[in-house]
C-alpha atoms as a PDB file:
ATOM      1  CA  GLU A   1     139.246  66.633  87.570  1.00  0.00           C
ATOM      2  CA  ASP A   2     136.462  64.268  86.657  1.00  0.00           C
ATOM      3  CA  ILE A   3     136.789  60.536  86.128  1.00  0.00           C
ATOM      4  CA  VAL A   4     134.109  58.625  84.277  1.00  0.00           C
ATOM      5  CA  GLU A   5     134.279  54.845  84.542  1.00  0.00           C
ATOM      6  CA  MET A   6     132.377  52.652  82.131  1.00  0.00           C
ATOM      7  CA  ASN A   7     132.710  49.094  83.342  1.00  0.00           C
ATOM      8  CA  ASN A   8     129.753  47.273  81.874  1.00  0.00           C
ATOM      9  CA  GLY A   9     131.317  45.568  78.873  1.00  0.00           C
ATOM     10  CA  CYS A  10     133.811  45.733  76.057  1.00  0.00           C
ATOM     11  CA  ILE A  11     134.413  49.365  75.057  1.00  0.00           C
ATOM     12  CA  CYS A  12     134.959  48.436  71.413  1.00  0.00           C
ATOM     13  CA  CYS A  13     131.495  46.968  70.918  1.00  0.00           C
ATOM     14  CA  THR A  14     128.922  46.871  73.731  1.00  0.00           C
ATOM     15  CA  VAL A  15     129.907  50.127  75.436  1.00  0.00           C
ATOM     16  CA  ARG A  16     130.493  52.158  72.300  1.00  0.00           C
ATOM     17  CA  GLY A  17     127.094  53.801  72.645  1.00  0.00           C
ATOM     18  CA  ASP A  18     127.944  54.690  76.242  1.00  0.00           C
ATOM     19  CA  LEU A  19     131.269  56.142  75.088  1.00  0.00           C
ATOM     20  CA  ILE A  20     129.528  58.369  72.544  1.00  0.00           C
ATOM     21  CA  LYS A  21     126.983  59.440  75.174  1.00  0.00           C
ATOM     22  CA  THR A  22     129.770  60.280  77.638  1.00  0.00           C
ATOM     23  CA  LEU A  23     131.776  62.215  75.031  1.00  0.00           C
ATOM     24  CA  LYS A  24     128.623  64.172  74.080  1.00  0.00           C
ATOM     25  CA  LYS A  25     128.101  65.020  77.756  1.00  0.00           C
ATOM     26  CA  ILE A  26     131.689  66.282  78.022  1.00  0.00           C
ATOM     27  CA  ALA A  27     131.273  68.218  74.757  1.00  0.00           C
ATOM     28  CA  GLY A  28     128.204  69.917  76.203  1.00  0.00           C
ATOM     29  CA  MET A  29     130.166  70.975  79.288  1.00  0.00           C
ATOM     30  CA  VAL A  30     132.929  72.386  77.068  1.00  0.00           C
ATOM     31  CA  LYS A  31     130.398  74.397  75.042  1.00  0.00           C
ATOM     32  CA  LYS A  32     129.087  75.850  78.319  1.00  0.00           C
ATOM     33  CA  GLY A  33     132.590  77.102  79.140  1.00  0.00           C
ATOM     34  CA  LYS A  34     134.160  74.319  81.198  1.00  0.00           C
ATOM     35  CA  LYS A  35     137.893  74.151  80.540  1.00  0.00           C
ATOM     36  CA  LEU A  36     139.064  70.783  79.268  1.00  0.00           C
ATOM     37  CA  ASP A  37     142.714  69.795  79.040  1.00  0.00           C
ATOM     38  CA  GLY A  38     142.035  66.447  77.404  1.00  0.00           C
ATOM     39  CA  VAL A  39     140.328  63.088  77.493  1.00  0.00           C
ATOM     40  CA  ILE A  40     142.195  59.883  78.247  1.00  0.00           C
ATOM     41  CA  ILE A  41     140.582  56.558  77.440  1.00  0.00           C
ATOM     42  CA  GLU A  42     142.300  53.570  79.010  1.00  0.00           C
ATOM     43  CA  THR A  43     141.436  50.272  77.350  1.00  0.00           C
ATOM     44  CA  THR A  44     143.054  47.482  79.338  1.00  0.00           C
ATOM     45  CA  GLY A  45     143.468  44.282  77.356  1.00  0.00           C
ATOM     46  CA  MET A  46     142.275  45.713  74.059  1.00  0.00           C
ATOM     47  CA  ALA A  47     144.071  44.358  71.013  1.00  0.00           C
ATOM     48  CA  ASP A  48     142.933  46.907  68.428  1.00  0.00           C
ATOM     49  CA  PRO A  49     142.312  50.576  69.308  1.00  0.00           C
ATOM     50  CA  ALA A  50     140.649  51.332  65.932  1.00  0.00           C
ATOM     51  CA  PRO A  51     137.015  50.857  67.068  1.00  0.00           C
ATOM     52  CA  VAL A  52     137.484  53.364  69.893  1.00  0.00           C
ATOM     53  CA  ALA A  53     139.298  55.789  67.577  1.00  0.00           C
ATOM     54  CA  GLN A  54     136.447  55.510  65.049  1.00  0.00           C
ATOM     55  CA  THR A  55     134.024  56.604  67.774  1.00  0.00           C
ATOM     56  CA  PHE A  56     135.483  60.119  67.480  1.00  0.00           C
ATOM     57  CA  PHE A  57     134.331  60.277  63.840  1.00  0.00           C
ATOM     58  CA  ALA A  58     130.975  58.480  64.211  1.00  0.00           C
ATOM     59  CA  ASP A  59     129.089  61.410  65.729  1.00  0.00           C
ATOM     60  CA  ASP A  60     129.200  64.966  64.329  1.00  0.00           C
ATOM     61  CA  ASN A  61     128.998  66.613  67.774  1.00  0.00           C
ATOM     62  CA  VAL A  62     131.865  64.491  69.088  1.00  0.00           C
ATOM     63  CA  ALA A  63     133.928  64.994  65.915  1.00  0.00           C
ATOM     64  CA  GLU A  64     133.665  68.793  66.062  1.00  0.00           C
ATOM     65  CA  THR A  65     134.614  68.943  69.768  1.00  0.00           C
ATOM     66  CA  PHE A  66     137.406  66.373  70.032  1.00  0.00           C
ATOM     67  CA  LYS A  67     140.416  65.372  67.980  1.00  0.00           C
ATOM     68  CA  ILE A  68     142.671  62.390  68.479  1.00  0.00           C
ATOM     69  CA  ASP A  69     146.125  63.614  69.373  1.00  0.00           C
ATOM     70  CA  GLY A  70     147.686  60.200  69.779  1.00  0.00           C
ATOM     71  CA  ILE A  71     147.269  56.560  70.615  1.00  0.00           C
ATOM     72  CA  ILE A  72     149.695  54.955  73.043  1.00  0.00           C
ATOM     73  CA  THR A  73     150.088  51.189  73.223  1.00  0.00           C
ATOM     74  CA  VAL A  74     151.848  49.357  76.034  1.00  0.00           C
ATOM     75  CA  VAL A  75     152.683  45.683  75.595  1.00  0.00           C
ATOM     76  CA  ASP A  76     154.176  43.012  77.792  1.00  0.00           C
ATOM     77  CA  CYS A  77     157.482  42.023  76.202  1.00  0.00           C
ATOM     78  CA  LYS A  78     156.940  38.409  77.266  1.00  0.00           C
ATOM     79  CA  TRP A  79     154.043  38.154  74.803  1.00  0.00           C
ATOM     80  CA  ILE A  80     155.124  40.483  71.997  1.00  0.00           C
ATOM     81  CA  ILE A  81     158.298  38.640  70.961  1.00  0.00           C
END
């Protein structure tokens, strides 16, 4: 298992380029034969997952290698009600 941590800014705006670069790197490893079960992107504190989801359609190489299977949202019931 490999873990890639990107901790230099907000993933929905400033790190989006880094996310695309990382997904392209993973896509390259898959094309070379590395088995991949999936990619999990954890976005602590993010209100809207749409910008990250759109990343999977922004680049042709990423779009042909990955598909979004689901988006899971966890909320604190103290703040959601």
